[in-house]
PDB file of N, CA and C in Angstrom:
ATOM      1  N   UNK A   1       0.850  -1.163   0.000  1.00  0.00           N
ATOM      2  CA  UNK A   1       0.000   0.000   0.000  1.00  0.00           C
ATOM      3  C   UNK A   1       0.902   1.234   0.000  1.00  0.00           C
ATOM      4  N   UNK A   2       0.638   2.146  -0.905  1.00  0.00           N
ATOM      5  CA  UNK A   2       1.455   3.350  -1.009  1.00  0.00           C
ATOM      6  C   UNK A   2       0.760   4.506  -0.299  1.00  0.00           C
ATOM      7  N   UNK A   3       1.438   5.061   0.676  1.00  0.00           N
ATOM      8  CA  UNK A   3       0.937   6.221   1.399  1.00  0.00           C
ATOM      9  C   UNK A   3       2.097   7.198   1.544  1.00  0.00           C
ATOM     10  N   UNK A   4       2.134   8.269   0.744  1.00  0.00           N
ATOM     11  CA  UNK A   4       3.280   9.176   0.772  1.00  0.00           C
ATOM     12  C   UNK A   4       3.426   9.935   2.088  1.00  0.00           C
ATOM     13  N   UNK A   5       2.403  10.029   2.914  1.00  0.00           N
ATOM     14  CA  UNK A   5       2.558  10.738   4.175  1.00  0.00           C
ATOM     15  C   UNK A   5       3.226   9.896   5.243  1.00  0.00           C
ATOM     16  N   UNK A   6       3.362   8.598   5.016  1.00  0.00           N
ATOM     17  CA  UNK A   6       4.058   7.729   5.967  1.00  0.00           C
ATOM     18  C   UNK A   6       5.431   7.365   5.420  1.00  0.00           C
ATOM     19  N   UNK A   7       6.386   7.380   6.310  1.00  0.00           N
ATOM     20  CA  UNK A   7       7.723   6.921   5.920  1.00  0.00           C
ATOM     21  C   UNK A   7       8.403   6.343   7.149  1.00  0.00           C
ATOM     22  N   UNK A   8       9.377   5.527   6.922  1.00  0.00           N
ATOM     23  CA  UNK A   8      10.063   4.844   8.007  1.00  0.00           C
ATOM     24  C   UNK A   8      11.361   5.561   8.331  1.00  0.00           C
ATOM     25  N   UNK A   9      11.595   5.759   9.624  1.00  0.00           N
ATOM     26  CA  UNK A   9      12.827   6.381  10.113  1.00  0.00           C
ATOM     27  C   UNK A   9      13.541   5.374  10.999  1.00  0.00           C
ATOM     28  N   UNK A  10      14.870   5.396  11.005  1.00  0.00           N
ATOM     29  CA  UNK A  10      15.605   4.503  11.908  1.00  0.00           C
ATOM     30  C   UNK A  10      15.248   4.797  13.365  1.00  0.00           C
ATOM     31  N   UNK A  11      15.197   3.755  14.184  1.00  0.00           N
ATOM     32  CA  UNK A  11      14.727   3.879  15.565  1.00  0.00           C
ATOM     33  C   UNK A  11      15.626   4.764  16.426  1.00  0.00           C
ATOM     34  N   UNK A  12      16.924   4.774  16.173  1.00  0.00           N
ATOM     35  CA  UNK A  12      17.848   5.548  16.999  1.00  0.00           C
ATOM     36  C   UNK A  12      18.146   6.925  16.414  1.00  0.00           C
ATOM     37  N   UNK A  13      17.462   7.302  15.368  1.00  0.00           N
ATOM     38  CA  UNK A  13      17.684   8.606  14.750  1.00  0.00           C
ATOM     39  C   UNK A  13      16.464   9.490  15.022  1.00  0.00           C
ATOM     40  N   UNK A  14      16.712  10.749  15.322  1.00  0.00           N
ATOM     41  CA  UNK A  14      15.604  11.679  15.571  1.00  0.00           C
ATOM     42  C   UNK A  14      14.822  11.909  14.285  1.00  0.00           C
ATOM     43  N   UNK A  15      13.550  12.013  14.434  1.00  0.00           N
ATOM     44  CA  UNK A  15      12.700  12.271  13.273  1.00  0.00           C
ATOM     45  C   UNK A  15      12.846  13.732  12.864  1.00  0.00           C
ATOM     46  N   UNK A  16      12.761  14.005  11.573  1.00  0.00           N
ATOM     47  CA  UNK A  16      12.867  15.402  11.138  1.00  0.00           C
ATOM     48  C   UNK A  16      11.621  16.189  11.565  1.00  0.00           C
ATOM     49  N   UNK A  17      11.836  17.444  11.894  1.00  0.00           N
ATOM     50  CA  UNK A  17      10.743  18.307  12.329  1.00  0.00           C
ATOM     51  C   UNK A  17      10.071  18.902  11.098  1.00  0.00           C
ATOM     52  N   UNK A  18       8.752  18.870  11.101  1.00  0.00           N
ATOM     53  CA  UNK A  18       8.004  19.444   9.991  1.00  0.00           C
ATOM     54  C   UNK A  18       8.035  20.966  10.097  1.00  0.00           C
ATOM     55  N   UNK A  19       8.252  21.647   8.998  1.00  0.00           N
ATOM     56  CA  UNK A  19       8.270  23.113   9.062  1.00  0.00           C
ATOM     57  C   UNK A  19       6.868  23.654   9.353  1.00  0.00           C
ATOM     58  N   UNK A  20       6.821  24.683  10.167  1.00  0.00           N
ATOM     59  CA  UNK A  20       5.557  25.290  10.545  1.00  0.00           C
ATOM     60  C   UNK A  20       5.277  26.469   9.626  1.00  0.00           C
ATOM     61  N   UNK A  21       4.128  26.454   8.995  1.00  0.00           N
ATOM     62  CA  UNK A  21       3.734  27.539   8.105  1.00  0.00           C
ATOM     63  C   UNK A  21       2.975  28.570   8.929  1.00  0.00           C
ATOM     64  N   UNK A  22       3.610  29.687   9.225  1.00  0.00           N
ATOM     65  CA  UNK A  22       3.024  30.726  10.071  1.00  0.00           C
ATOM     66  C   UNK A  22       1.966  31.546   9.345  1.00  0.00           C
ATOM     67  N   UNK A  23       1.874  31.402   8.040  1.00  0.00           N
ATOM     68  CA  UNK A  23       0.969  32.248   7.269  1.00  0.00           C
ATOM     69  C   UNK A  23      -0.483  31.783   7.348  1.00  0.00           C
ATOM     70  N   UNK A  24      -0.697  30.525   7.593  1.00  0.00           N
ATOM     71  CA  UNK A  24      -2.070  30.031   7.594  1.00  0.00           C
ATOM     72  C   UNK A  24      -2.471  29.569   8.989  1.00  0.00           C
ATOM     73  N   UNK A  25      -3.708  29.833   9.311  1.00  0.00           N
ATOM     74  CA  UNK A  25      -4.255  29.351  10.578  1.00  0.00           C
ATOM     75  C   UNK A  25      -5.058  28.086  10.302  1.00  0.00           C
ATOM     76  N   UNK A  26      -5.491  27.456  11.354  1.00  0.00           N
ATOM     77  CA  UNK A  26      -6.309  26.239  11.183  1.00  0.00           C
ATOM     78  C   UNK A  26      -7.591  26.583  10.445  1.00  0.00           C
ATOM     79  N   UNK A  27      -8.184  27.717  10.773  1.00  0.00           N
ATOM     80  CA  UNK A  27      -9.417  28.130  10.111  1.00  0.00           C
ATOM     81  C   UNK A  27      -9.186  28.335   8.612  1.00  0.00           C
ATOM     82  N   UNK A  28      -8.077  28.998   8.269  1.00  0.00           N
ATOM     83  CA  UNK A  28      -7.753  29.189   6.848  1.00  0.00           C
ATOM     84  C   UNK A  28      -7.544  27.852   6.156  1.00  0.00           C
ATOM     85  N   UNK A  29      -6.842  26.944   6.820  1.00  0.00           N
ATOM     86  CA  UNK A  29      -6.580  25.630   6.223  1.00  0.00           C
ATOM     87  C   UNK A  29      -7.885  24.865   5.998  1.00  0.00           C
ATOM     88  N   UNK A  30      -8.790  24.927   6.969  1.00  0.00           N
ATOM     89  CA  UNK A  30     -10.083  24.257   6.813  1.00  0.00           C
ATOM     90  C   UNK A  30     -10.868  24.839   5.643  1.00  0.00           C
ATOM     91  N   UNK A  31     -10.849  26.160   5.509  1.00  0.00           N
ATOM     92  CA  UNK A  31     -11.552  26.793   4.391  1.00  0.00           C
ATOM     93  C   UNK A  31     -10.927  26.413   3.054  1.00  0.00           C
ATOM     94  N   UNK A  32      -9.592  26.411   2.984  1.00  0.00           N
ATOM     95  CA  UNK A  32      -8.896  26.106   1.731  1.00  0.00           C
ATOM     96  C   UNK A  32      -9.112  24.668   1.286  1.00  0.00           C
ATOM     97  N   UNK A  33      -9.199  23.757   2.224  1.00  0.00           N
ATOM     98  CA  UNK A  33      -9.357  22.349   1.869  1.00  0.00           C
ATOM     99  C   UNK A  33     -10.818  21.932   1.759  1.00  0.00           C
ATOM    100  N   UNK A  34     -11.731  22.867   1.999  1.00  0.00           N
ATOM    101  CA  UNK A  34     -13.152  22.558   1.876  1.00  0.00           C
ATOM    102  C   UNK A  34     -13.688  21.716   3.019  1.00  0.00           C
ATOM    103  N   UNK A  35     -13.023  21.758   4.151  1.00  0.00           N
ATOM    104  CA  UNK A  35     -13.448  20.945   5.300  1.00  0.00           C
ATOM    105  C   UNK A  35     -14.236  21.749   6.327  1.00  0.00           C
ATOM    106  N   UNK A  36     -14.459  23.020   6.065  1.00  0.00           N
ATOM    107  CA  UNK A  36     -15.212  23.858   6.979  1.00  0.00           C
ATOM    108  C   UNK A  36     -16.667  23.852   6.539  1.00  0.00           C
ATOM    109  N   UNK A  37     -17.531  23.327   7.382  1.00  0.00           N
ATOM    110  CA  UNK A  37     -18.950  23.223   7.048  1.00  0.00           C
ATOM    111  C   UNK A  37     -19.709  24.372   7.698  1.00  0.00           C
ATOM    112  N   UNK A  38     -20.624  24.946   6.958  1.00  0.00           N
ATOM    113  CA  UNK A  38     -21.445  26.034   7.490  1.00  0.00           C
ATOM    114  C   UNK A  38     -22.467  25.467   8.467  1.00  0.00           C
ATOM    115  N   UNK A  39     -22.788  26.246   9.474  1.00  0.00           N
ATOM    116  CA  UNK A  39     -23.792  25.816  10.451  1.00  0.00           C
ATOM    117  C   UNK A  39     -25.178  25.922   9.847  1.00  0.00           C
ATOM    118  N   UNK A  40     -26.047  25.023  10.264  1.00  0.00           N
ATOM    119  CA  UNK A  40     -27.454  25.097   9.881  1.00  0.00           C
ATOM    120  C   UNK A  40     -28.184  25.975  10.880  1.00  0.00           C
ATOM    121  N   UNK A  41     -29.302  26.541  10.459  1.00  0.00           N
ATOM    122  CA  UNK A  41     -30.110  27.333  11.384  1.00  0.00           C
ATOM    123  C   UNK A  41     -30.657  26.425  12.469  1.00  0.00           C
ATOM    124  N   UNK A  42     -30.637  26.903  13.706  1.00  0.00           N
ATOM    125  CA  UNK A  42     -31.117  26.091  14.814  1.00  0.00           C
ATOM    126  C   UNK A  42     -32.626  25.903  14.758  1.00  0.00           C
ATOM    127  N   UNK A  43     -33.332  26.840  14.162  1.00  0.00           N
ATOM    128  CA  UNK A  43     -34.786  26.714  14.086  1.00  0.00           C
ATOM    129  C   UNK A  43     -35.181  25.466  13.316  1.00  0.00           C
ATOM    130  N   UNK A  44     -34.432  25.113  12.281  1.00  0.00           N
ATOM    131  CA  UNK A  44     -34.744  23.927  11.493  1.00  0.00           C
ATOM    132  C   UNK A  44     -34.556  22.651  12.310  1.00  0.00           C
ATOM    133  N   UNK A  45     -33.558  22.639  13.168  1.00  0.00           N
ATOM    134  CA  UNK A  45     -33.294  21.444  13.966  1.00  0.00           C
ATOM    135  C   UNK A  45     -34.411  21.181  14.956  1.00  0.00           C
ATOM    136  N   UNK A  46     -34.954  22.229  15.554  1.00  0.00           N
ATOM    137  CA  UNK A  46     -35.924  22.051  16.618  1.00  0.00           C
ATOM    138  C   UNK A  46     -37.359  21.972  16.118  1.00  0.00           C
ATOM    139  N   UNK A  47     -37.609  22.339  14.891  1.00  0.00           N
ATOM    140  CA  UNK A  47     -38.984  22.339  14.410  1.00  0.00           C
ATOM    141  C   UNK A  47     -39.566  20.930  14.375  1.00  0.00           C
ATOM    142  N   UNK A  48     -38.764  19.931  14.037  1.00  0.00           N
ATOM    143  CA  UNK A  48     -39.253  18.552  13.998  1.00  0.00           C
ATOM    144  C   UNK A  48     -39.596  18.081  15.403  1.00  0.00           C
ATOM    145  N   UNK A  49     -38.746  18.391  16.373  1.00  0.00           N
ATOM    146  CA  UNK A  49     -38.995  17.977  17.753  1.00  0.00           C
ATOM    147  C   UNK A  49     -40.244  18.659  18.303  1.00  0.00           C
ATOM    148  N   UNK A  50     -40.441  19.926  17.980  1.00  0.00           N
ATOM    149  CA  UNK A  50     -41.621  20.632  18.460  1.00  0.00           C
ATOM    150  C   UNK A  50     -42.890  20.036  17.868  1.00  0.00           C
ATOM    151  N   UNK A  51     -42.838  19.624  16.611  1.00  0.00           N
ATOM    152  CA  UNK A  51     -44.000  19.000  15.991  1.00  0.00           C
ATOM    153  C   UNK A  51     -44.315  17.663  16.659  1.00  0.00           C
ATOM    154  N   UNK A  52     -43.273  16.897  16.994  1.00  0.00           N
ATOM    155  CA  UNK A  52     -43.484  15.611  17.658  1.00  0.00           C
ATOM    156  C   UNK A  52     -44.138  15.802  19.021  1.00  0.00           C
ATOM    157  N   UNK A  53     -43.695  16.789  19.769  1.00  0.00           N
ATOM    158  CA  UNK A  53     -44.265  17.057  21.087  1.00  0.00           C
ATOM    159  C   UNK A  53     -45.709  17.515  20.942  1.00  0.00           C
ATOM    160  N   UNK A  54     -45.990  18.338  19.955  1.00  0.00           N
ATOM    161  CA  UNK A  54     -47.354  18.822  19.749  1.00  0.00           C
ATOM    162  C   UNK A  54     -48.297  17.673  19.413  1.00  0.00           C
ATOM    163  N   UNK A  55     -47.822  16.682  18.683  1.00  0.00           N
ATOM    164  CA  UNK A  55     -48.654  15.525  18.354  1.00  0.00           C
ATOM    165  C   UNK A  55     -48.962  14.689  19.590  1.00  0.00           C
ATOM    166  N   UNK A  56     -48.015  14.585  20.497  1.00  0.00           N
ATOM    167  CA  UNK A  56     -48.182  13.760  21.695  1.00  0.00           C
ATOM    168  C   UNK A  56     -49.124  14.427  22.691  1.00  0.00           C
ATOM    169  N   UNK A  57     -49.039  15.742  22.802  1.00  0.00           N
ATOM    170  CA  UNK A  57     -49.842  16.466  23.793  1.00  0.00           C
ATOM    171  C   UNK A  57     -51.311  16.473  23.399  1.00  0.00           C
ATOM    172  N   UNK A  58     -52.164  16.349  24.401  1.00  0.00           N
ATOM    173  CA  UNK A  58     -53.609  16.457  24.190  1.00  0.00           C
ATOM    174  C   UNK A  58     -54.123  17.627  25.002  1.00  0.00           C
ATOM    175  N   UNK A  59     -55.405  17.911  24.925  1.00  0.00           N
ATOM    176  CA  UNK A  59     -55.968  19.030  25.683  1.00  0.00           C
ATOM    177  C   UNK A  59     -55.885  18.774  27.184  1.00  0.00           C
ATOM    178  N   UNK A  60     -55.862  17.532  27.608  1.00  0.00           N
ATOM    179  CA  UNK A  60     -55.745  17.208  29.030  1.00  0.00           C
ATOM    180  C   UNK A  60     -54.380  17.602  29.576  1.00  0.00           C
ATOM    181  N   UNK A  61     -53.359  17.564  28.741  1.00  0.00           N
ATOM    182  CA  UNK A  61     -52.009  17.872  29.190  1.00  0.00           C
ATOM    183  C   UNK A  61     -51.773  19.366  29.363  1.00  0.00           C
ATOM    184  N   UNK A  62     -52.649  20.196  28.827  1.00  0.00           N
ATOM    185  CA  UNK A  62     -52.418  21.629  28.849  1.00  0.00           C
ATOM    186  C   UNK A  62     -52.729  22.256  30.198  1.00  0.00           C
ATOM    187  N   UNK A  63     -53.664  21.706  30.975  1.00  0.00           N
ATOM    188  CA  UNK A  63     -54.040  22.282  32.256  1.00  0.00           C
ATOM    189  C   UNK A  63     -53.175  21.753  33.388  1.00  0.00           C
ATOM    190  N   UNK A  64     -53.290  22.429  34.534  1.00  0.00           N
ATOM    191  CA  UNK A  64     -52.548  21.996  35.709  1.00  0.00           C
ATOM    192  C   UNK A  64     -53.541  21.408  36.702  1.00  0.00           C
ATOM    193  N   UNK A  65     -53.251  20.216  37.170  1.00  0.00           N
ATOM    194  CA  UNK A  65     -54.124  19.548  38.129  1.00  0.00           C
ATOM    195  C   UNK A  65     -53.600  19.845  39.529  1.00  0.00           C
ATOM    196  N   UNK A  66     -54.389  20.581  40.314  1.00  0.00           N
ATOM    197  CA  UNK A  66     -53.956  20.995  41.643  1.00  0.00           C
ATOM    198  C   UNK A  66     -54.305  19.961  42.706  1.00  0.00           C
ATOM    199  N   UNK A  67     -54.886  18.857  42.330  1.00  0.00           N
ATOM    200  CA  UNK A  67     -55.304  17.842  43.280  1.00  0.00           C
ATOM    201  C   UNK A  67     -54.101  17.008  43.699  1.00  0.00           C
ATOM    202  N   UNK A  68     -53.922  16.859  44.999  1.00  0.00           N
ATOM    203  CA  UNK A  68     -52.807  16.080  45.521  1.00  0.00           C
ATOM    204  C   UNK A  68     -53.369  14.930  46.343  1.00  0.00           C
ATOM    205  N   UNK A  69     -53.070  13.717  45.966  1.00  0.00           N
ATOM    206  CA  UNK A  69     -53.594  12.538  46.654  1.00  0.00           C
ATOM    207  C   UNK A  69     -53.063  12.411  48.077  1.00  0.00           C
ATOM    208  N   UNK A  70     -51.911  12.980  48.358  1.00  0.00           N
ATOM    209  CA  UNK A  70     -51.312  12.836  49.677  1.00  0.00           C
ATOM    210  C   UNK A  70     -51.973  13.728  50.726  1.00  0.00           C
ATOM    211  N   UNK A  71     -52.829  14.645  50.313  1.00  0.00           N
ATOM    212  CA  UNK A  71     -53.464  15.557  51.263  1.00  0.00           C
ATOM    213  C   UNK A  71     -54.600  14.902  52.038  1.00  0.00           C
ATOM    214  N   UNK A  72     -55.094  13.781  51.576  1.00  0.00           N
ATOM    215  CA  UNK A  72     -56.196  13.115  52.263  1.00  0.00           C
ATOM    216  C   UNK A  72     -55.713  12.571  53.607  1.00  0.00           C
ATOM    217  N   UNK A  73     -56.541  12.725  54.636  1.00  0.00           N
ATOM    218  CA  UNK A  73     -56.207  12.222  55.964  1.00  0.00           C
ATOM    219  C   UNK A  73     -56.840  10.852  56.103  1.00  0.00           C
ATOM    220  N   UNK A  74     -56.038   9.865  56.321  1.00  0.00           N
ATOM    221  CA  UNK A  74     -56.534   8.502  56.483  1.00  0.00           C
ATOM    222  C   UNK A  74     -56.491   8.137  57.963  1.00  0.00           C
ATOM    223  N   UNK A  75     -57.507   7.439  58.465  1.00  0.00           N
ATOM    224  CA  UNK A  75     -57.498   7.049  59.881  1.00  0.00           C
ATOM    225  C   UNK A  75     -56.425   5.988  60.134  1.00  0.00           C
ATOM    226  N   UNK A  76     -55.877   6.035  61.340  1.00  0.00           N
ATOM    227  CA  UNK A  76     -54.906   5.026  61.738  1.00  0.00           C
ATOM    228  C   UNK A  76     -55.644   3.741  62.097  1.00  0.00           C
ATOM    229  N   UNK A  77     -54.952   2.639  62.153  1.00  0.00           N
ATOM    230  CA  UNK A  77     -55.573   1.351  62.460  1.00  0.00           C
ATOM    231  C   UNK A  77     -56.167   1.327  63.870  1.00  0.00           C
ATOM    232  N   UNK A  78     -55.578   2.076  64.806  1.00  0.00           N
ATOM    233  CA  UNK A  78     -56.040   2.068  66.192  1.00  0.00           C
ATOM    234  C   UNK A  78     -57.287   2.927  66.391  1.00  0.00           C
ATOM    235  N   UNK A  79     -57.529   3.870  65.528  1.00  0.00           N
ATOM    236  CA  UNK A  79     -58.657   4.786  65.695  1.00  0.00           C
ATOM    237  C   UNK A  79     -59.906   4.209  65.036  1.00  0.00           C
ATOM    238  N   UNK A  80     -61.049   4.378  65.676  1.00  0.00           N
ATOM    239  CA  UNK A  80     -62.297   3.924  65.038  1.00  0.00           C
ATOM    240  C   UNK A  80     -62.680   4.873  63.911  1.00  0.00           C
ATOM    241  N   UNK A  81     -63.397   4.345  62.968  1.00  0.00           N
ATOM    242  CA  UNK A  81     -63.803   5.149  61.817  1.00  0.00           C
ATOM    243  C   UNK A  81     -65.045   5.914  62.123  1.00  0.00           C
TER     244      UNK A  81
END
C-alpha cells in the first residue's frame, strides 16, 4: 500500500521536524481544503422535535391539576372510623 505521508525512520535517529507555516491558521486551512462546514439554522433542527411534542400532547395535558392525593387524611388502624 502506497501512502506518501508515511515513511520509516531509523529507531535511533531523531525524526525530522516538519516546518511550521506561520501564514495560515487552522481556520484558513479548513476553508482552503473545503473541510469547513457552514452551520445550519437552529430553528430547522428544533422544528421537527416541536411537531413531535405537539402531536403527543392532548388538551388534558395543557391544564394543571392541583389535586394532591397525599393531602387526604386517612385514619390510623387504632382509631375507630
